[in-house]
Amino acid sequence: MSDQHQVPGEARITFNPAQCGGRPCIRGMRIRVSDILEMLAEGVSAETILADFPDLEPEDISAALRFAA
């Protein structure tokens, strides 16, 4: 049985106590929402993030921003 959970109202944001210290991640991957937000805050473009993380989709970045709001 998986311990992975979705954030209510946001299917792309998941958390699992056994993964990444239980911090929110993108779709169960080991890409933390905080990592995406930090890159954006440092001025890294969404296009660059998507190129660096080919498993990410544009909707994942939008979900991370909504989660932070």
PDB file of N, CA and C in Angstrom:
ATOM      1  N   MET A   1       0.833  -1.180   0.000  1.00  0.00           N
ATOM      2  CA  MET A   1       0.000   0.000   0.000  1.00  0.00           C
ATOM      3  C   MET A   1       0.874   1.237   0.000  1.00  0.00           C
ATOM      4  N   SER A   2       0.553   2.200  -0.840  1.00  0.00           N
ATOM      5  CA  SER A   2       1.340   3.409  -0.975  1.00  0.00           C
ATOM      6  C   SER A   2       0.951   4.428   0.092  1.00  0.00           C
ATOM      7  N   ASP A   3       1.944   5.149   0.585  1.00  0.00           N
ATOM      8  CA  ASP A   3       1.686   6.225   1.533  1.00  0.00           C
ATOM      9  C   ASP A   3       1.571   7.559   0.826  1.00  0.00           C
ATOM     10  N   GLN A   4       1.530   7.542  -0.498  1.00  0.00           N
ATOM     11  CA  GLN A   4       1.467   8.778  -1.272  1.00  0.00           C
ATOM     12  C   GLN A   4       0.068   9.369  -1.206  1.00  0.00           C
ATOM     13  N   HIS A   5       0.009  10.673  -1.016  1.00  0.00           N
ATOM     14  CA  HIS A   5      -1.258  11.380  -0.923  1.00  0.00           C
ATOM     15  C   HIS A   5      -1.232  12.577  -1.857  1.00  0.00           C
ATOM     16  N   GLN A   6      -2.410  12.981  -2.312  1.00  0.00           N
ATOM     17  CA  GLN A   6      -2.525  14.179  -3.127  1.00  0.00           C
ATOM     18  C   GLN A   6      -2.960  15.337  -2.250  1.00  0.00           C
ATOM     19  N   VAL A   7      -2.490  16.519  -2.618  1.00  0.00           N
ATOM     20  CA  VAL A   7      -2.964  17.728  -1.954  1.00  0.00           C
ATOM     21  C   VAL A   7      -4.408  17.946  -2.408  1.00  0.00           C
ATOM     22  N   PRO A   8      -5.326  18.159  -1.492  1.00  0.00           N
ATOM     23  CA  PRO A   8      -6.724  18.366  -1.889  1.00  0.00           C
ATOM     24  C   PRO A   8      -6.862  19.486  -2.924  1.00  0.00           C
ATOM     25  N   GLY A   9      -7.562  19.189  -4.001  1.00  0.00           N
ATOM     26  CA  GLY A   9      -7.792  20.170  -5.049  1.00  0.00           C
ATOM     27  C   GLY A   9      -6.639  20.339  -6.021  1.00  0.00           C
ATOM     28  N   GLU A  10      -5.555  19.605  -5.830  1.00  0.00           N
ATOM     29  CA  GLU A  10      -4.394  19.756  -6.715  1.00  0.00           C
ATOM     30  C   GLU A  10      -3.766  18.390  -6.954  1.00  0.00           C
ATOM     31  N   ALA A  11      -4.215  17.704  -7.990  1.00  0.00           N
ATOM     32  CA  ALA A  11      -3.780  16.328  -8.256  1.00  0.00           C
ATOM     33  C   ALA A  11      -2.302  16.224  -8.611  1.00  0.00           C
ATOM     34  N   ARG A  12      -1.685  17.296  -9.064  1.00  0.00           N
ATOM     35  CA  ARG A  12      -0.278  17.235  -9.476  1.00  0.00           C
ATOM     36  C   ARG A  12       0.687  17.347  -8.296  1.00  0.00           C
ATOM     37  N   ILE A  13       0.201  17.763  -7.149  1.00  0.00           N
ATOM     38  CA  ILE A  13       1.054  17.906  -5.972  1.00  0.00           C
ATOM     39  C   ILE A  13       0.771  16.738  -5.036  1.00  0.00           C
ATOM     40  N   THR A  14       1.811  15.972  -4.735  1.00  0.00           N
ATOM     41  CA  THR A  14       1.668  14.806  -3.864  1.00  0.00           C
ATOM     42  C   THR A  14       2.663  14.908  -2.716  1.00  0.00           C
ATOM     43  N   PHE A  15       2.385  14.146  -1.681  1.00  0.00           N
ATOM     44  CA  PHE A  15       3.349  14.032  -0.596  1.00  0.00           C
ATOM     45  C   PHE A  15       3.328  12.612  -0.080  1.00  0.00           C
ATOM     46  N   ASN A  16       4.491  12.176   0.361  1.00  0.00           N
ATOM     47  CA  ASN A  16       4.664  10.819   0.866  1.00  0.00           C
ATOM     48  C   ASN A  16       5.671  10.909   2.005  1.00  0.00           C
ATOM     49  N   PRO A  17       5.306  10.524   3.204  1.00  0.00           N
ATOM     50  CA  PRO A  17       6.230  10.618   4.333  1.00  0.00           C
ATOM     51  C   PRO A  17       7.558   9.894   4.100  1.00  0.00           C
ATOM     52  N   ALA A  18       7.567   8.913   3.212  1.00  0.00           N
ATOM     53  CA  ALA A  18       8.790   8.139   2.951  1.00  0.00           C
ATOM     54  C   ALA A  18       9.618   8.701   1.793  1.00  0.00           C
ATOM     55  N   GLN A  19       9.194   9.818   1.236  1.00  0.00           N
ATOM     56  CA  GLN A  19       9.894  10.386   0.065  1.00  0.00           C
ATOM     57  C   GLN A  19      10.152  11.865   0.299  1.00  0.00           C
ATOM     58  N   CYS A  20      11.371  12.293   0.094  1.00  0.00           N
ATOM     59  CA  CYS A  20      11.761  13.707   0.205  1.00  0.00           C
ATOM     60  C   CYS A  20      11.343  14.304   1.550  1.00  0.00           C
ATOM     61  N   GLY A  21      11.433  13.517   2.595  1.00  0.00           N
ATOM     62  CA  GLY A  21      11.100  14.007   3.925  1.00  0.00           C
ATOM     63  C   GLY A  21       9.644  14.397   4.094  1.00  0.00           C
ATOM     64  N   GLY A  22       8.771  13.867   3.245  1.00  0.00           N
ATOM     65  CA  GLY A  22       7.355  14.180   3.330  1.00  0.00           C
ATOM     66  C   GLY A  22       6.976  15.512   2.723  1.00  0.00           C
ATOM     67  N   ARG A  23       7.949  16.183   2.091  1.00  0.00           N
ATOM     68  CA  ARG A  23       7.661  17.485   1.481  1.00  0.00           C
ATOM     69  C   ARG A  23       6.868  17.312   0.189  1.00  0.00           C
ATOM     70  N   PRO A  24       6.067  18.313  -0.171  1.00  0.00           N
ATOM     71  CA  PRO A  24       5.265  18.226  -1.398  1.00  0.00           C
ATOM     72  C   PRO A  24       6.151  18.062  -2.637  1.00  0.00           C
ATOM     73  N   CYS A  25       5.749  17.142  -3.499  1.00  0.00           N
ATOM     74  CA  CYS A  25       6.481  16.847  -4.733  1.00  0.00           C
ATOM     75  C   CYS A  25       5.528  16.932  -5.921  1.00  0.00           C
ATOM     76  N   ILE A  26       6.117  16.896  -7.100  1.00  0.00           N
ATOM     77  CA  ILE A  26       5.341  16.923  -8.326  1.00  0.00           C
ATOM     78  C   ILE A  26       5.013  15.489  -8.746  1.00  0.00           C
ATOM     79  N   ARG A  27       3.743  15.163  -8.819  1.00  0.00           N
ATOM     80  CA  ARG A  27       3.227  13.886  -9.318  1.00  0.00           C
ATOM     81  C   ARG A  27       3.984  12.653  -8.818  1.00  0.00           C
ATOM     82  N   GLY A  28       4.373  12.650  -7.567  1.00  0.00           N
ATOM     83  CA  GLY A  28       5.029  11.481  -6.998  1.00  0.00           C
ATOM     84  C   GLY A  28       6.491  11.328  -7.373  1.00  0.00           C
ATOM     85  N   MET A  29       7.010  12.247  -8.163  1.00  0.00           N
ATOM     86  CA  MET A  29       8.427  12.205  -8.521  1.00  0.00           C
ATOM     87  C   MET A  29       9.237  12.845  -7.401  1.00  0.00           C
ATOM     88  N   ARG A  30      10.516  12.664  -7.451  1.00  0.00           N
ATOM     89  CA  ARG A  30      11.386  13.277  -6.443  1.00  0.00           C
ATOM     90  C   ARG A  30      11.799  14.692  -6.853  1.00  0.00           C
ATOM     91  N   ILE A  31      10.853  15.412  -7.393  1.00  0.00           N
ATOM     92  CA  ILE A  31      11.046  16.823  -7.730  1.00  0.00           C
ATOM     93  C   ILE A  31      10.145  17.595  -6.780  1.00  0.00           C
ATOM     94  N   ARG A  32      10.778  18.279  -5.824  1.00  0.00           N
ATOM     95  CA  ARG A  32      10.004  18.978  -4.793  1.00  0.00           C
ATOM     96  C   ARG A  32       9.423  20.282  -5.326  1.00  0.00           C
ATOM     97  N   VAL A  33       8.245  20.603  -4.846  1.00  0.00           N
ATOM     98  CA  VAL A  33       7.619  21.875  -5.190  1.00  0.00           C
ATOM     99  C   VAL A  33       8.552  23.015  -4.806  1.00  0.00           C
ATOM    100  N   SER A  34       9.196  22.922  -3.665  1.00  0.00           N
ATOM    101  CA  SER A  34      10.094  23.992  -3.215  1.00  0.00           C
ATOM    102  C   SER A  34      11.257  24.199  -4.177  1.00  0.00           C
ATOM    103  N   ASP A  35      11.733  23.122  -4.794  1.00  0.00           N
ATOM    104  CA  ASP A  35      12.824  23.264  -5.771  1.00  0.00           C
ATOM    105  C   ASP A  35      12.369  24.066  -6.981  1.00  0.00           C
ATOM    106  N   ILE A  36      11.170  23.781  -7.462  1.00  0.00           N
ATOM    107  CA  ILE A  36      10.620  24.516  -8.607  1.00  0.00           C
ATOM    108  C   ILE A  36      10.458  25.987  -8.239  1.00  0.00           C
ATOM    109  N   LEU A  37       9.892  26.250  -7.067  1.00  0.00           N
ATOM    110  CA  LEU A  37       9.673  27.629  -6.639  1.00  0.00           C
ATOM    111  C   LEU A  37      10.980  28.387  -6.444  1.00  0.00           C
ATOM    112  N   GLU A  38      11.989  27.731  -5.890  1.00  0.00           N
ATOM    113  CA  GLU A  38      13.291  28.379  -5.705  1.00  0.00           C
ATOM    114  C   GLU A  38      13.917  28.738  -7.044  1.00  0.00           C
ATOM    115  N   MET A  39      13.828  27.826  -8.010  1.00  0.00           N
ATOM    116  CA  MET A  39      14.389  28.129  -9.330  1.00  0.00           C
ATOM    117  C   MET A  39      13.681  29.316  -9.965  1.00  0.00           C
ATOM    118  N   LEU A  40      12.357  29.352  -9.870  1.00  0.00           N
ATOM    119  CA  LEU A  40      11.616  30.476 -10.427  1.00  0.00           C
ATOM    120  C   LEU A  40      12.001  31.777  -9.723  1.00  0.00           C
ATOM    121  N   ALA A  41      12.156  31.732  -8.401  1.00  0.00           N
ATOM    122  CA  ALA A  41      12.529  32.921  -7.627  1.00  0.00           C
ATOM    123  C   ALA A  41      13.921  33.422  -7.998  1.00  0.00           C
ATOM    124  N   GLU A  42      14.784  32.511  -8.415  1.00  0.00           N
ATOM    125  CA  GLU A  42      16.139  32.885  -8.821  1.00  0.00           C
ATOM    126  C   GLU A  42      16.188  33.391 -10.259  1.00  0.00           C
ATOM    127  N   GLY A  43      15.038  33.428 -10.921  1.00  0.00           N
ATOM    128  CA  GLY A  43      14.980  33.954 -12.274  1.00  0.00           C
ATOM    129  C   GLY A  43      15.128  32.922 -13.375  1.00  0.00           C
ATOM    130  N   VAL A  44      15.119  31.648 -13.018  1.00  0.00           N
ATOM    131  CA  VAL A  44      15.192  30.597 -14.030  1.00  0.00           C
ATOM    132  C   VAL A  44      13.831  30.538 -14.724  1.00  0.00           C
ATOM    133  N   SER A  45      13.834  30.545 -16.029  1.00  0.00           N
ATOM    134  CA  SER A  45      12.574  30.538 -16.770  1.00  0.00           C
ATOM    135  C   SER A  45      11.907  29.163 -16.705  1.00  0.00           C
ATOM    136  N   ALA A  46      10.594  29.174 -16.877  1.00  0.00           N
ATOM    137  CA  ALA A  46       9.855  27.910 -16.913  1.00  0.00           C
ATOM    138  C   ALA A  46      10.372  27.026 -18.041  1.00  0.00           C
ATOM    139  N   GLU A  47      10.720  27.632 -19.165  1.00  0.00           N
ATOM    140  CA  GLU A  47      11.229  26.865 -20.306  1.00  0.00           C
ATOM    141  C   GLU A  47      12.534  26.149 -19.949  1.00  0.00           C
ATOM    142  N   THR A  48      13.398  26.830 -19.205  1.00  0.00           N
ATOM    143  CA  THR A  48      14.667  26.216 -18.798  1.00  0.00           C
ATOM    144  C   THR A  48      14.423  25.080 -17.814  1.00  0.00           C
ATOM    145  N   ILE A  49      13.516  25.295 -16.874  1.00  0.00           N
ATOM    146  CA  ILE A  49      13.190  24.235 -15.909  1.00  0.00           C
ATOM    147  C   ILE A  49      12.653  23.012 -16.636  1.00  0.00           C
ATOM    148  N   LEU A  50      11.761  23.229 -17.592  1.00  0.00           N
ATOM    149  CA  LEU A  50      11.200  22.106 -18.351  1.00  0.00           C
ATOM    150  C   LEU A  50      12.275  21.387 -19.164  1.00  0.00           C
ATOM    151  N   ALA A  51      13.239  22.132 -19.685  1.00  0.00           N
ATOM    152  CA  ALA A  51      14.328  21.511 -20.445  1.00  0.00           C
ATOM    153  C   ALA A  51      15.245  20.699 -19.524  1.00  0.00           C
ATOM    154  N   ASP A  52      15.464  21.211 -18.302  1.00  0.00           N
ATOM    155  CA  ASP A  52      16.346  20.530 -17.352  1.00  0.00           C
ATOM    156  C   ASP A  52      15.688  19.314 -16.703  1.00  0.00           C
ATOM    157  N   PHE A  53      14.358  19.326 -16.643  1.00  0.00           N
ATOM    158  CA  PHE A  53      13.602  18.231 -16.030  1.00  0.00           C
ATOM    159  C   PHE A  53      12.579  17.733 -17.051  1.00  0.00           C
ATOM    160  N   PRO A  54      12.990  16.886 -17.972  1.00  0.00           N
ATOM    161  CA  PRO A  54      12.101  16.479 -19.072  1.00  0.00           C
ATOM    162  C   PRO A  54      10.832  15.754 -18.637  1.00  0.00           C
ATOM    163  N   ASP A  55      10.781  15.249 -17.413  1.00  0.00           N
ATOM    164  CA  ASP A  55       9.556  14.598 -16.937  1.00  0.00           C
ATOM    165  C   ASP A  55       8.492  15.602 -16.494  1.00  0.00           C
ATOM    166  N   LEU A  56       8.899  16.855 -16.303  1.00  0.00           N
ATOM    167  CA  LEU A  56       7.945  17.883 -15.912  1.00  0.00           C
ATOM    168  C   LEU A  56       7.128  18.353 -17.106  1.00  0.00           C
ATOM    169  N   GLU A  57       5.933  18.809 -16.808  1.00  0.00           N
ATOM    170  CA  GLU A  57       5.052  19.386 -17.819  1.00  0.00           C
ATOM    171  C   GLU A  57       4.742  20.821 -17.395  1.00  0.00           C
ATOM    172  N   PRO A  58       4.382  21.689 -18.336  1.00  0.00           N
ATOM    173  CA  PRO A  58       4.073  23.080 -17.977  1.00  0.00           C
ATOM    174  C   PRO A  58       3.024  23.175 -16.862  1.00  0.00           C
ATOM    175  N   GLU A  59       2.069  22.264 -16.861  1.00  0.00           N
ATOM    176  CA  GLU A  59       1.028  22.276 -15.834  1.00  0.00           C
ATOM    177  C   GLU A  59       1.595  22.012 -14.436  1.00  0.00           C
ATOM    178  N   ASP A  60       2.725  21.303 -14.360  1.00  0.00           N
ATOM    179  CA  ASP A  60       3.363  21.055 -13.061  1.00  0.00           C
ATOM    180  C   ASP A  60       3.888  22.348 -12.463  1.00  0.00           C
ATOM    181  N   ILE A  61       4.462  23.192 -13.288  1.00  0.00           N
ATOM    182  CA  ILE A  61       4.973  24.475 -12.807  1.00  0.00           C
ATOM    183  C   ILE A  61       3.815  25.355 -12.357  1.00  0.00           C
ATOM    184  N   SER A  62       2.737  25.355 -13.111  1.00  0.00           N
ATOM    185  CA  SER A  62       1.542  26.110 -12.707  1.00  0.00           C
ATOM    186  C   SER A  62       0.996  25.596 -11.390  1.00  0.00           C
ATOM    187  N   ALA A  63       0.990  24.298 -11.216  1.00  0.00           N
ATOM    188  CA  ALA A  63       0.494  23.706  -9.969  1.00  0.00           C
ATOM    189  C   ALA A  63       1.374  24.118  -8.786  1.00  0.00           C
ATOM    190  N   ALA A  64       2.683  24.151  -8.991  1.00  0.00           N
ATOM    191  CA  ALA A  64       3.591  24.571  -7.916  1.00  0.00           C
ATOM    192  C   ALA A  64       3.312  26.018  -7.513  1.00  0.00           C
ATOM    193  N   LEU A  65       3.075  26.876  -8.498  1.00  0.00           N
ATOM    194  CA  LEU A  65       2.764  28.272  -8.196  1.00  0.00           C
ATOM    195  C   LEU A  65       1.433  28.407  -7.467  1.00  0.00           C
ATOM    196  N   ARG A  66       0.437  27.648  -7.876  1.00  0.00           N
ATOM    197  CA  ARG A  66      -0.861  27.683  -7.179  1.00  0.00           C
ATOM    198  C   ARG A  66      -0.712  27.192  -5.740  1.00  0.00           C
ATOM    199  N   PHE A  67       0.092  26.156  -5.561  1.00  0.00           N
ATOM    200  CA  PHE A  67       0.308  25.593  -4.236  1.00  0.00           C
ATOM    201  C   PHE A  67       0.939  26.640  -3.311  1.00  0.00           C
ATOM    202  N   ALA A  68       1.829  27.451  -3.851  1.00  0.00           N
ATOM    203  CA  ALA A  68       2.525  28.455  -3.048  1.00  0.00           C
ATOM    204  C   ALA A  68       1.648  29.660  -2.716  1.00  0.00           C
ATOM    205  N   ALA A  69       0.600  29.849  -3.498  1.00  0.00           N
ATOM    206  CA  ALA A  69      -0.235  31.060  -3.324  1.00  0.00           C
ATOM    207  C   ALA A  69      -1.050  31.036  -2.051  1.00  0.00           C
TER     208      ALA A  69
END
